[in-house]
Every structure is written in C-alpha cells, then in structure tokens.
Protein backbone atom coordinates (compact mmCIF):
# COMPACT_ATOMS: atom_id res chain seq x y z
CA UNK A 1 -80.98 -25.12 -48.96
CA UNK A 2 -83.50 -22.84 -47.08
CA UNK A 3 -84.91 -26.01 -44.72
CA UNK A 4 -81.40 -25.26 -42.89
CA UNK A 5 -82.52 -22.03 -41.30
CA UNK A 6 -85.98 -23.63 -40.56
CA UNK A 7 -84.23 -25.99 -38.41
CA UNK A 8 -83.42 -22.78 -35.79
CA UNK A 9 -86.09 -21.70 -33.63
CA UNK A 10 -86.16 -18.32 -35.09
CA UNK A 11 -88.74 -16.33 -32.79
CA UNK A 12 -86.76 -16.64 -30.35
CA UNK A 13 -87.09 -13.77 -27.81
CA UNK A 14 -84.34 -13.21 -24.87
CA UNK A 15 -86.15 -13.19 -21.43
CA UNK A 16 -84.52 -10.50 -18.72
CA UNK A 17 -85.20 -12.71 -15.73
CA UNK A 18 -84.48 -12.01 -12.63
CA UNK A 19 -81.55 -14.04 -12.40
CA UNK A 20 -79.93 -11.58 -15.10
CA UNK A 21 -81.11 -8.72 -13.17
CA UNK A 22 -79.77 -9.37 -9.81
CA UNK A 23 -76.08 -9.17 -10.49
CA UNK A 24 -76.61 -6.00 -12.18
CA UNK A 25 -78.47 -4.67 -10.00
CA UNK A 26 -75.42 -5.83 -7.15
CA UNK A 27 -72.54 -4.02 -9.51
CA UNK A 28 -75.17 -0.89 -9.61
CA UNK A 29 -75.72 -1.08 -5.66
CA UNK A 30 -71.87 -1.28 -5.04
CA UNK A 31 -71.02 1.44 -7.55
CA UNK A 32 -73.51 3.80 -5.75
CA UNK A 33 -71.65 2.91 -2.64
CA UNK A 34 -68.03 3.23 -3.95
CA UNK A 35 -69.45 6.80 -5.16
CA UNK A 36 -71.08 7.87 -1.79
CA UNK A 37 -67.37 6.60 -0.47
CA UNK A 38 -65.79 8.81 -2.88
CA UNK A 39 -68.16 11.94 -2.19
CA UNK A 40 -67.74 11.75 1.17
CA UNK A 41 -64.10 11.64 0.87
CA UNK A 42 -63.92 14.36 -1.37
CA UNK A 43 -65.91 16.84 0.79
CA UNK A 44 -64.02 16.14 4.00
CA UNK A 45 -60.39 15.32 2.66
CA UNK A 46 -60.84 18.40 0.75
CA UNK A 47 -59.22 19.55 -2.53
CA UNK A 48 -55.93 21.53 -2.67
CA UNK A 49 -56.61 25.25 -2.69
CA UNK A 50 -53.21 26.06 -4.56
CA UNK A 51 -55.13 24.36 -7.48
CA UNK A 52 -55.05 27.01 -10.02
CA UNK A 53 -53.18 25.25 -12.77
CA UNK A 54 -56.49 24.21 -14.80
CA UNK A 55 -58.71 26.87 -13.94
CA UNK A 56 -57.10 30.05 -11.78
CA UNK A 57 -59.24 29.72 -8.72
CA UNK A 58 -59.88 27.37 -5.50
CA UNK A 59 -60.75 24.01 -6.14
CA UNK A 60 -63.89 22.24 -4.93
CA UNK A 61 -65.02 18.90 -4.48
CA UNK A 62 -68.15 18.93 -6.55
CA UNK A 63 -65.89 19.57 -9.79
CA UNK A 64 -64.15 16.06 -9.78
CA UNK A 65 -68.06 14.79 -9.16
CA UNK A 66 -69.06 17.30 -12.31
CA UNK A 67 -66.12 15.57 -14.57
CA UNK A 68 -67.15 12.21 -13.45
CA UNK A 69 -70.35 12.38 -14.81
CA UNK A 70 -69.23 13.96 -17.78
CA UNK A 71 -66.47 11.13 -18.63
CA UNK A 72 -69.43 8.79 -18.04
CA UNK A 73 -71.89 10.90 -20.18
CA UNK A 74 -69.39 11.24 -23.48
CA UNK A 75 -68.17 7.45 -22.79
CA UNK A 76 -71.58 5.55 -22.62
CA UNK A 77 -73.06 7.98 -24.71
CA UNK A 78 -70.57 6.61 -27.57
CA UNK A 79 -70.87 3.04 -26.95
CA UNK A 80 -74.57 3.82 -27.64
CA UNK A 81 -74.14 5.43 -31.05
CA UNK A 82 -71.88 3.14 -32.35
CA UNK A 83 -74.19 0.17 -31.73
CA UNK A 84 -76.40 1.74 -34.29
CA UNK A 85 -73.58 3.22 -36.86
CA UNK A 86 -72.49 -1.03 -36.58
CA UNK A 87 -75.63 -1.74 -37.27
CA UNK A 88 -75.95 0.50 -39.89
CA UNK A 89 -72.69 -0.57 -41.65
CA UNK A 90 -73.91 -3.91 -42.15
CA UNK A 91 -77.11 -2.96 -43.71
CA UNK A 92 -74.84 -0.50 -46.02
CA UNK A 93 -72.57 -2.81 -46.74
CA UNK A 94 -75.19 -5.85 -47.73
CA UNK A 95 -73.12 -8.06 -45.39
CA UNK A 96 -74.66 -11.37 -45.11
CA UNK A 97 -72.17 -12.93 -41.99
CA UNK A 98 -73.74 -10.38 -39.36
CA UNK A 99 -77.80 -11.20 -40.01
CA UNK A 100 -78.23 -12.96 -36.64
CA UNK A 101 -75.86 -10.42 -34.77
CA UNK A 102 -77.42 -7.39 -36.04
CA UNK A 103 -79.90 -6.53 -33.31
CA UNK A 104 -77.84 -7.01 -30.66
CA UNK A 105 -75.33 -4.05 -32.00
CA UNK A 106 -78.93 -2.04 -32.58
CA UNK A 107 -79.69 -2.76 -29.02
CA UNK A 108 -76.92 -0.41 -27.71
CA UNK A 109 -78.82 2.33 -29.09
CA UNK A 110 -81.19 1.91 -26.46
CA UNK A 111 -78.98 3.69 -24.29
CA UNK A 112 -79.47 7.34 -26.29
CA UNK A 113 -82.50 8.47 -24.94
CA UNK A 114 -81.14 8.43 -21.25
CA UNK A 115 -77.56 9.58 -22.81
CA UNK A 116 -79.74 12.87 -24.52
CA UNK A 117 -81.17 14.11 -21.50
CA UNK A 118 -78.06 12.96 -19.14
CA UNK A 119 -76.03 15.05 -21.52
CA UNK A 120 -77.93 18.13 -21.86
CA UNK A 121 -78.60 18.16 -18.49
CA UNK A 122 -75.61 17.85 -17.22
CA UNK A 123 -74.13 20.38 -19.11
CA UNK A 124 -76.92 22.56 -17.92
CA UNK A 125 -76.09 22.16 -14.13
CA UNK A 126 -72.20 21.38 -14.79
CA UNK A 127 -70.87 23.20 -18.15
CA UNK A 128 -69.66 26.28 -16.54
CA UNK A 129 -67.43 25.03 -14.18
CA UNK A 130 -66.27 21.94 -16.74
CA UNK A 131 -65.38 23.65 -19.27
CA UNK A 132 -63.43 27.31 -18.77
CA UNK A 133 -64.51 29.09 -22.17
CA UNK A 134 -67.63 29.32 -20.67
CA UNK A 135 -66.15 32.54 -18.40
CA UNK A 136 -67.54 35.61 -19.47
CA UNK A 137 -63.89 37.49 -18.77
CA UNK A 138 -62.74 35.50 -20.65
CA UNK A 139 -64.07 37.35 -23.59
CA UNK A 140 -63.42 41.24 -22.25
CA UNK A 141 -60.55 42.88 -23.29
CA UNK A 142 -60.65 45.33 -20.36
CA UNK A 143 -60.58 42.11 -18.23
CA UNK A 144 -56.99 41.12 -16.54
CA UNK A 145 -58.40 37.49 -17.63
CA UNK A 146 -58.82 38.59 -21.10
CA UNK A 147 -57.65 35.23 -23.77
CA UNK A 148 -57.14 36.46 -26.82
CA UNK A 149 -57.18 33.00 -28.73
CA UNK A 150 -60.32 32.14 -26.76
CA UNK A 151 -61.96 35.16 -27.75
CA UNK A 152 -61.29 33.90 -31.51
CA UNK A 153 -62.93 30.98 -31.18
CA UNK A 154 -66.28 32.33 -29.09
CA UNK A 155 -68.12 32.35 -31.80
CA UNK A 156 -68.01 28.91 -32.26
CA UNK A 157 -69.65 28.56 -28.44
CA UNK A 158 -72.04 31.18 -28.25
CA UNK A 159 -73.10 32.63 -32.00
CA UNK A 160 -75.26 34.40 -32.50
CA UNK A 161 -75.28 35.66 -29.18
CA UNK A 162 -72.60 37.72 -27.73
CA UNK A 163 -69.27 35.92 -26.50
CA UNK A 164 -69.13 34.97 -22.55
CA UNK A 165 -73.42 34.90 -22.58
CA UNK A 166 -74.55 31.54 -22.99
CA UNK A 167 -73.95 29.28 -25.65
CA UNK A 168 -76.35 28.59 -27.79
CA UNK A 169 -74.43 27.63 -30.87
CA UNK A 170 -72.97 24.96 -29.06
CA UNK A 171 -76.33 23.60 -26.82
CA UNK A 172 -78.15 23.37 -30.34
CA UNK A 173 -75.41 21.17 -32.04
CA UNK A 174 -75.79 19.31 -28.71
CA UNK A 175 -79.54 18.94 -28.80
CA UNK A 176 -79.63 18.24 -32.65
CA UNK A 177 -77.35 15.45 -33.03
CA UNK A 178 -79.02 13.45 -29.95
CA UNK A 179 -82.47 14.51 -31.58
CA UNK A 180 -81.25 12.83 -35.13
CA UNK A 181 -79.39 9.58 -33.13
CA UNK A 182 -82.13 9.24 -31.60
CA UNK A 183 -84.30 9.62 -34.54
CA UNK A 184 -82.42 7.39 -36.82
CA UNK A 185 -82.26 4.32 -34.31
CA UNK A 186 -85.57 4.52 -33.83
CA UNK A 187 -86.31 4.80 -37.25
CA UNK A 188 -84.29 1.73 -37.82
CA UNK A 189 -85.30 -0.07 -34.76
CA UNK A 190 -89.03 -0.22 -35.88
CA UNK A 191 -88.06 -0.95 -39.71
CA UNK A 192 -86.28 -3.91 -38.13
CA UNK A 193 -88.74 -5.24 -36.29
CA UNK A 194 -91.31 -4.62 -38.80
CA UNK A 195 -89.44 -6.87 -41.04
CA UNK A 196 -90.51 -9.95 -38.60
CA UNK A 197 -94.45 -9.22 -39.85
CA UNK A 198 -93.70 -8.04 -43.19
CA UNK A 199 -91.01 -10.81 -45.12
CA UNK A 200 -89.84 -10.32 -48.73
CA UNK A 201 -86.97 -7.43 -49.10
CA UNK A 202 -89.43 -4.13 -48.98
CA UNK A 203 -87.93 -3.51 -45.13
CA UNK A 204 -84.00 -4.69 -46.14
CA UNK A 205 -84.09 -1.90 -48.81
CA UNK A 206 -85.58 0.76 -46.24
CA UNK A 207 -83.32 -0.12 -43.69
CA UNK A 208 -80.45 0.09 -45.87
CA UNK A 209 -81.01 4.08 -47.71
CA UNK A 210 -81.72 4.88 -44.25
CA UNK A 211 -78.71 3.26 -43.49
CA UNK A 212 -76.44 5.48 -45.57
CA UNK A 213 -78.21 8.36 -44.31
CA UNK A 214 -77.58 7.63 -41.04
CA UNK A 215 -73.80 7.41 -41.64
CA UNK A 216 -73.31 10.15 -43.90
CA UNK A 217 -74.86 12.53 -40.56
CA UNK A 218 -73.10 10.34 -38.34
CA UNK A 219 -69.78 10.69 -39.74
CA UNK A 220 -69.77 14.43 -39.38
CA UNK A 221 -72.14 14.41 -35.95
CA UNK A 222 -69.41 12.20 -34.26
CA UNK A 223 -66.46 14.80 -35.15
CA UNK A 224 -68.14 17.54 -34.16
CA UNK A 225 -69.32 16.31 -30.89
CA UNK A 226 -65.72 15.08 -29.83
CA UNK A 227 -64.39 18.48 -30.34
CA UNK A 228 -67.18 20.15 -28.80
CA UNK A 229 -68.08 17.38 -25.73
CA UNK A 230 -63.76 16.46 -25.37
CA UNK A 231 -61.40 18.67 -27.49
CA UNK A 232 -62.95 22.23 -26.00
CA UNK A 233 -61.82 21.56 -22.39
CA UNK A 234 -58.46 22.50 -23.53
CA UNK A 235 -59.69 25.33 -25.52
CA UNK A 236 -56.29 26.35 -26.02
CA UNK A 237 -54.92 22.78 -28.21
CA UNK A 238 -56.60 21.22 -30.95
CA UNK A 239 -56.02 18.19 -33.17
CA UNK A 240 -57.27 17.81 -36.59
CA UNK A 241 -57.52 14.48 -36.20
CA UNK A 242 -59.65 14.49 -32.52
CA UNK A 243 -62.64 13.61 -34.07
CA UNK A 244 -61.19 10.35 -35.37
CA UNK A 245 -59.26 9.05 -32.32
CA UNK A 246 -62.32 9.97 -30.34
CA UNK A 247 -64.03 7.63 -33.15
CA UNK A 248 -61.93 4.94 -33.00
CA UNK A 249 -62.07 5.16 -29.13
CA UNK A 250 -65.87 4.60 -29.12
CA UNK A 251 -66.05 2.40 -31.73
CA UNK A 252 -63.34 0.08 -30.39
CA UNK A 253 -65.09 0.36 -27.00
CA UNK A 254 -68.51 -0.65 -28.87
CA UNK A 255 -67.64 -3.25 -30.86
CA UNK A 256 -66.23 -5.08 -27.30
CA UNK A 257 -70.23 -4.19 -25.80
CA UNK A 258 -71.12 -5.99 -29.08
CA UNK A 259 -69.12 -8.92 -28.45
CA UNK A 260 -69.42 -9.30 -25.35
CA UNK A 261 -73.29 -9.40 -25.36
CA UNK A 262 -73.62 -12.15 -28.36
CA UNK A 263 -71.35 -14.16 -26.07
CA UNK A 264 -73.60 -13.95 -22.64
CA UNK A 265 -76.20 -15.07 -24.83
CA UNK A 266 -74.96 -17.73 -26.64
CA UNK A 267 -73.87 -18.79 -23.59
CA UNK A 268 -77.82 -18.83 -22.41
CA UNK A 269 -78.65 -20.94 -25.26
CA UNK A 270 -79.49 -17.72 -27.32
CA UNK A 271 -78.83 -16.97 -30.87
CA UNK A 272 -78.11 -20.98 -31.81
CA UNK A 273 -77.18 -19.59 -35.61
CA UNK A 274 -73.85 -17.79 -34.37
CA UNK A 275 -71.19 -20.62 -34.19
CA UNK A 276 -67.48 -19.96 -33.75
CA UNK A 277 -67.08 -18.21 -37.53
CA UNK A 278 -68.95 -15.23 -36.44
CA UNK A 279 -67.35 -14.92 -33.15
CA UNK A 280 -64.17 -14.70 -34.86
CA UNK A 281 -65.50 -12.10 -37.22
CA UNK A 282 -66.37 -10.02 -34.15
CA UNK A 283 -63.03 -10.69 -32.53
CA UNK A 284 -60.88 -9.90 -35.81
CA UNK A 285 -63.26 -6.60 -35.56
CA UNK A 286 -62.07 -6.13 -32.14
CA UNK A 287 -58.42 -6.95 -32.48
CA UNK A 288 -58.39 -4.89 -36.37
CA UNK A 289 -59.46 -1.51 -34.32
CA UNK A 290 -57.52 -2.21 -31.29
CA UNK A 291 -54.38 -1.48 -34.08
CA UNK A 292 -56.69 1.48 -35.43
CA UNK A 293 -56.68 3.01 -32.71
CA UNK A 294 -53.47 2.72 -31.55
CA UNK A 295 -51.95 4.01 -34.68
CA UNK A 296 -54.06 6.86 -34.25
CA UNK A 297 -52.84 7.78 -31.10
CA UNK A 298 -49.09 6.98 -31.96
CA UNK A 299 -49.98 9.52 -34.98
CA UNK A 300 -51.55 12.39 -32.83
CA UNK A 301 -48.94 11.89 -30.24
CA UNK A 302 -45.24 11.65 -32.54
CA UNK A 303 -46.47 14.79 -34.93
CA UNK A 304 -46.83 16.63 -31.36
CA UNK A 305 -43.81 15.19 -29.82
CA UNK A 306 -41.38 15.95 -33.16
CA UNK A 307 -42.50 19.33 -34.52
CA UNK A 308 -42.10 21.08 -30.27
CA UNK A 309 -44.47 23.40 -31.08
CA UNK A 310 -45.30 24.64 -27.65
CA UNK A 311 -48.81 25.43 -27.55
CA UNK A 312 -48.77 22.10 -28.93
CA UNK A 313 -46.98 19.82 -26.96
CA UNK A 314 -48.72 21.22 -23.29
CA UNK A 315 -51.25 18.90 -23.96
CA UNK A 316 -49.41 15.75 -23.27
CA UNK A 317 -46.36 17.59 -20.76
CA UNK A 318 -49.31 18.36 -18.55
CA UNK A 319 -50.40 14.58 -18.86
CA UNK A 320 -46.86 12.95 -19.28
CA UNK A 321 -44.89 15.08 -16.31
CA UNK A 322 -48.04 14.64 -14.22
CA UNK A 323 -47.88 12.27 -11.10
CA UNK A 324 -51.69 11.88 -10.99
CA UNK A 325 -51.73 11.48 -15.44
CA UNK A 326 -48.40 9.99 -15.92
CA UNK A 327 -49.10 6.21 -15.27
CA UNK A 328 -52.32 5.87 -16.75
CA UNK A 329 -50.88 7.23 -20.36
CA UNK A 330 -49.03 3.74 -20.33
CA UNK A 331 -51.60 2.17 -18.33
CA UNK A 332 -53.49 3.25 -21.62
CA UNK A 333 -51.42 2.33 -24.19
CA UNK A 334 -51.02 -1.23 -22.16
CA UNK A 335 -54.62 -2.02 -21.80
CA UNK A 336 -55.71 -1.08 -24.80
CA UNK A 337 -53.19 -2.10 -27.27
CA UNK A 338 -50.55 -4.81 -26.08
CA UNK A 339 -52.51 -6.92 -23.94
CA UNK A 340 -55.37 -7.22 -26.86
CA UNK A 341 -52.45 -7.63 -29.28
CA UNK A 342 -50.45 -9.77 -27.70
CA UNK A 343 -54.04 -11.81 -26.79
CA UNK A 344 -55.78 -11.89 -29.46
CA UNK A 345 -53.19 -12.44 -32.37
CA UNK A 346 -53.95 -16.22 -32.66
CA UNK A 347 -56.58 -17.80 -35.31
CA UNK A 348 -58.16 -19.98 -31.83
CA UNK A 349 -58.43 -16.86 -29.37
CA UNK A 350 -60.72 -15.39 -31.93
CA UNK A 351 -62.67 -17.94 -31.80
CA UNK A 352 -63.03 -19.32 -27.92
CA UNK A 353 -65.17 -16.82 -25.60
CA UNK A 354 -62.67 -16.91 -22.91
CA UNK A 355 -60.01 -14.98 -24.63
CA UNK A 356 -62.50 -12.27 -25.77
CA UNK A 357 -64.95 -12.27 -22.61
CA UNK A 358 -61.14 -11.18 -20.88
CA UNK A 359 -59.72 -8.67 -23.72
CA UNK A 360 -63.11 -6.92 -24.40
CA UNK A 361 -64.00 -6.24 -20.81
CA UNK A 362 -60.37 -5.03 -20.26
CA UNK A 363 -60.90 -2.69 -23.57
CA UNK A 364 -64.40 -1.62 -21.59
CA UNK A 365 -62.46 -0.46 -18.61
CA UNK A 366 -59.81 0.43 -20.65
CA UNK A 367 -61.17 3.36 -22.82
CA UNK A 368 -62.58 4.67 -20.30
CA UNK A 369 -59.03 5.56 -19.10
CA UNK A 370 -58.74 6.45 -22.44
CA UNK A 371 -62.30 9.28 -21.83
CA UNK A 372 -60.76 9.89 -18.24
CA UNK A 373 -57.37 11.14 -19.84
CA UNK A 374 -59.29 13.19 -22.07
CA UNK A 375 -60.97 15.30 -19.59
CA UNK A 376 -59.96 14.80 -15.94
CA UNK A 377 -56.32 17.01 -16.81
CA UNK A 378 -58.49 19.75 -18.17
CA UNK A 379 -60.82 20.32 -15.87
CA UNK A 380 -58.94 19.30 -12.56
CA UNK A 381 -55.60 19.63 -13.42
CA UNK A 382 -53.67 17.78 -10.36
CA UNK A 383 -57.00 17.53 -8.00
CA UNK A 384 -57.87 14.00 -10.51
CA UNK A 385 -57.34 10.42 -10.41
CA UNK A 386 -58.62 6.98 -10.31
CA UNK A 387 -60.13 6.66 -6.84
CA UNK A 388 -63.82 5.58 -5.22
CA UNK A 389 -65.57 8.37 -7.44
CA UNK A 390 -64.22 6.87 -10.37
CA UNK A 391 -64.78 3.59 -9.77
CA UNK A 392 -68.29 3.59 -8.56
CA UNK A 393 -69.35 6.15 -11.42
CA UNK A 394 -67.67 3.89 -14.01
CA UNK A 395 -69.92 0.76 -12.24
CA UNK A 396 -72.72 3.05 -11.46
CA UNK A 397 -73.12 4.33 -15.34
CA UNK A 398 -72.24 0.63 -16.72
CA UNK A 399 -74.64 -1.55 -14.77
CA UNK A 400 -77.62 1.79 -15.83
CA UNK A 401 -76.66 0.75 -19.47
CA UNK A 402 -76.26 -2.81 -19.28
CA UNK A 403 -80.00 -2.82 -17.85
CA UNK A 404 -81.42 -0.40 -20.16
CA UNK A 405 -79.71 -2.63 -23.23
CA UNK A 406 -80.68 -5.87 -21.95
CA UNK A 407 -84.06 -4.32 -20.76
CA UNK A 408 -84.43 -3.20 -24.97
CA UNK A 409 -82.98 -6.40 -26.58
CA UNK A 410 -86.04 -8.23 -24.31
CA UNK A 411 -88.43 -6.65 -26.64
CA UNK A 412 -88.44 -8.05 -29.47
CA UNK A 413 -87.40 -11.43 -31.45
CA UNK A 414 -83.21 -11.57 -31.42
CA UNK A 415 -83.32 -12.72 -34.88
CA UNK A 416 -84.40 -11.24 -37.77
CA UNK A 417 -86.08 -13.94 -39.37
CA UNK A 418 -87.02 -12.90 -42.51
CA UNK A 419 -83.80 -11.10 -42.80
CA UNK A 420 -82.53 -12.03 -46.89
CA UNK A 421 -79.11 -13.20 -46.24
CA UNK A 422 -80.27 -15.58 -43.06
CA UNK A 423 -79.05 -18.90 -45.15
CA UNK A 424 -75.75 -17.05 -46.08
CA UNK A 425 -75.12 -16.11 -42.38
CA UNK A 426 -75.64 -20.05 -41.41
CA UNK A 427 -72.76 -21.09 -44.19
CA UNK A 428 -70.74 -18.63 -42.97
CA UNK A 429 -67.32 -19.96 -43.07
CA UNK A 430 -63.67 -18.80 -42.17
C-alpha cells in the first residue's frame, strides 16, 4: 500500500506570502495603537493613589504596563514550549496518527528564543515593581516592613546571596529553563529536518530518545517556572497543584494554537494527507484538556473554599470580591469550560473547522484571561482590569508570535516525508 502516500506532494513547503503577512501586520498595528491609547489614558487618567493594598505604595501607571508585559511573556512562552512538548509526546508515545502535523506542533517553539530574551530582560527591568519579595526591607527584622513569611522563603529566590539583595537563584533557574528549552527545540528541529534527507528510521529513534529526555526536563522545569513566574507574585499564598494548573492552562492554549494552524494550512490547500479524522483527534485533545483544566481549577478552589484557612482563602477572596476581577472569574469559567464543553461535545463538531476555529480562538483569549487573573490582582491590586492597554498588548504579542511561528514553518517541508509512520497516519480512521 506504500503507493498511497506517494500520491501526495510530500515536498510541500508553506509559503509565507504577502497576502498572509498583511492581516498579521494589520493586527499588530491595531494592537500597537490600542496599547498606545491605553498607555496615554493610564498616564493622564492616573492611578488611584490609595492603591496600597497590594504593595503598600502609591500606584504608578507604568506598573500596569509591566504587569501586562509579564502576563503576555509568561502566556506566550508557555504556548511555545507546549508545541515542543506535544511534538515530543508524539515520538515518545510512538504515535502514528500525528505524523503529518508534527512540524506544526514544533513550529510553536520558534517563539522560544524571543520569549527567553523578553522574559529575562523584563525581569531585570520590572521585577522590582512586579514582585513584592524583591523589596529588601521585607528581610530586615529591624524594619517596620519586615515579613516573617517572606523572609522564610527568601533563600528560594536569593541563594547564595543575602536575602533582599539580588535574586541569583531565581535568575539562574529562569536562564537554565529557557536555555534547555531552546536547546531541546533546536535539537529536535534539526533532527526532524535531517530525516527528510537521511531516510530510514535512524532519525526517528534519535528524536524519540531526545524527546524522552526533554519530557522529563519539561515536567520539572514547567512546574518550577509556574511557581517562580506566577505563584511568587502572591508570596504569602501557595497551592500544591499550582504547577499542574499552569501547565493545563498552557496546554489547552497550545493545543488550540496547533489546531488553528492545522485548519488554516488545510484551508490554503496544504497538508493534503490530513483529513477529518486527524482534525477530530485534535478536537478531542482540546475537549479533553479543557475538562482537565476545569478539574484542576475546581480542585484548587474547592479545597481552599472547604478548608477556609485565611491565608489560603485570601487568594480567591481578593479576586471574587473585587469589582475589577470578580466578573472575570465567571468569564474564565464560561469561556474556558462551559462553551468549549457544550460546543465540542458532539462527534461532528470536532470534525468541522468552523466549530474548532470558534472554540480554539475563544480558548486562546480565554486562557489569557486565566493568566490575567493569576498576575494582575497580586501586582496591581484594584488598579487592574481589561482595557485598551490589555487588549492592545495581547494583539501585539499574538500577532508577533504568529509571524515568528509561520515564518519558522515556511523554512522547511511541512510534512516529514521519511517519517516511518506516514502510512499508518494516511489510513488513520476514527
């Protein structure tokens, strides 16, 4: 049956044409304009001077800008690494169905080097304003600001330096994680493209073993990254399943991005081998992990609600009882669970691009709201919200990521033509 696969053009390359670039550029410009309007409004509208709840100081307009940059850095870095993770899963699990779309998954990783630079640079520039634990007076027992709880956690950020000086341990972790993520991405990418010229199964076995190492590293690093980059904003509070929670939010968003790119390429006449069965599988992943995210959200909420321990419940109280964030808790559940659950419940909806495009677009915006709810209350108190600045920044980042991902995808063949399981994928039927 080998001749079946040969009927397709396996040397097909995605052309990143001017017609595709134009709408991305348009969204980028709209995002920049909205962001500019948001910044001007924040500068002249001013913040609330009584905004001391979160940080004990007068509020400055640029803090909102910093919080937005941080939300988008964390969110899109997560989507990028999920692409590499999902690619690695396919090889580690010896999955055959996904053979024609593994490069779509891997293409998300093209954002990782940019994410690394943005993340590390913004931490140096804005970390002091974003992270309460970076304030030296918290670690000085003689200071009125001394905080015993944060002092107890200080070594996690500052080791081997003195607490309250320079968070070397924290920065080393960030650099190491991004360094290894970019290393694994580049290694997997070069092995995948080498397969096109080498043939045989040698590359496939190499990718498989490299994927196994990456998955182990990812399991540890993604969880610690979640504690460092998000949970440490609310330094007093902690949740033992927070690493899982952030992973699930990233994962659903990443799966949605992979699905959208696949449907987009199909619409342009690429990926002829990919049929409604493959699309159905992607739809099932999105559906299943939407429920997984909700399960973790509810587990975290229910345990904290039921135990009703003040230092735990404060996290939800400052969100649920807030005029600014309260409504978004319900938007979060509606967009990330109720709508995807109801729309993707039937078999047909998971096989039709129109439903998946709608749900996946909603999920990508919805999980941004999830990260907005994790970051803004702890950094901005009641000076947060979603306005021109937030929408502009999201569009700016989203279009930049899309540009980088599609640009990377255009650099090589779309389908790994010597993948040993292409035949299996061609006959994939569910």
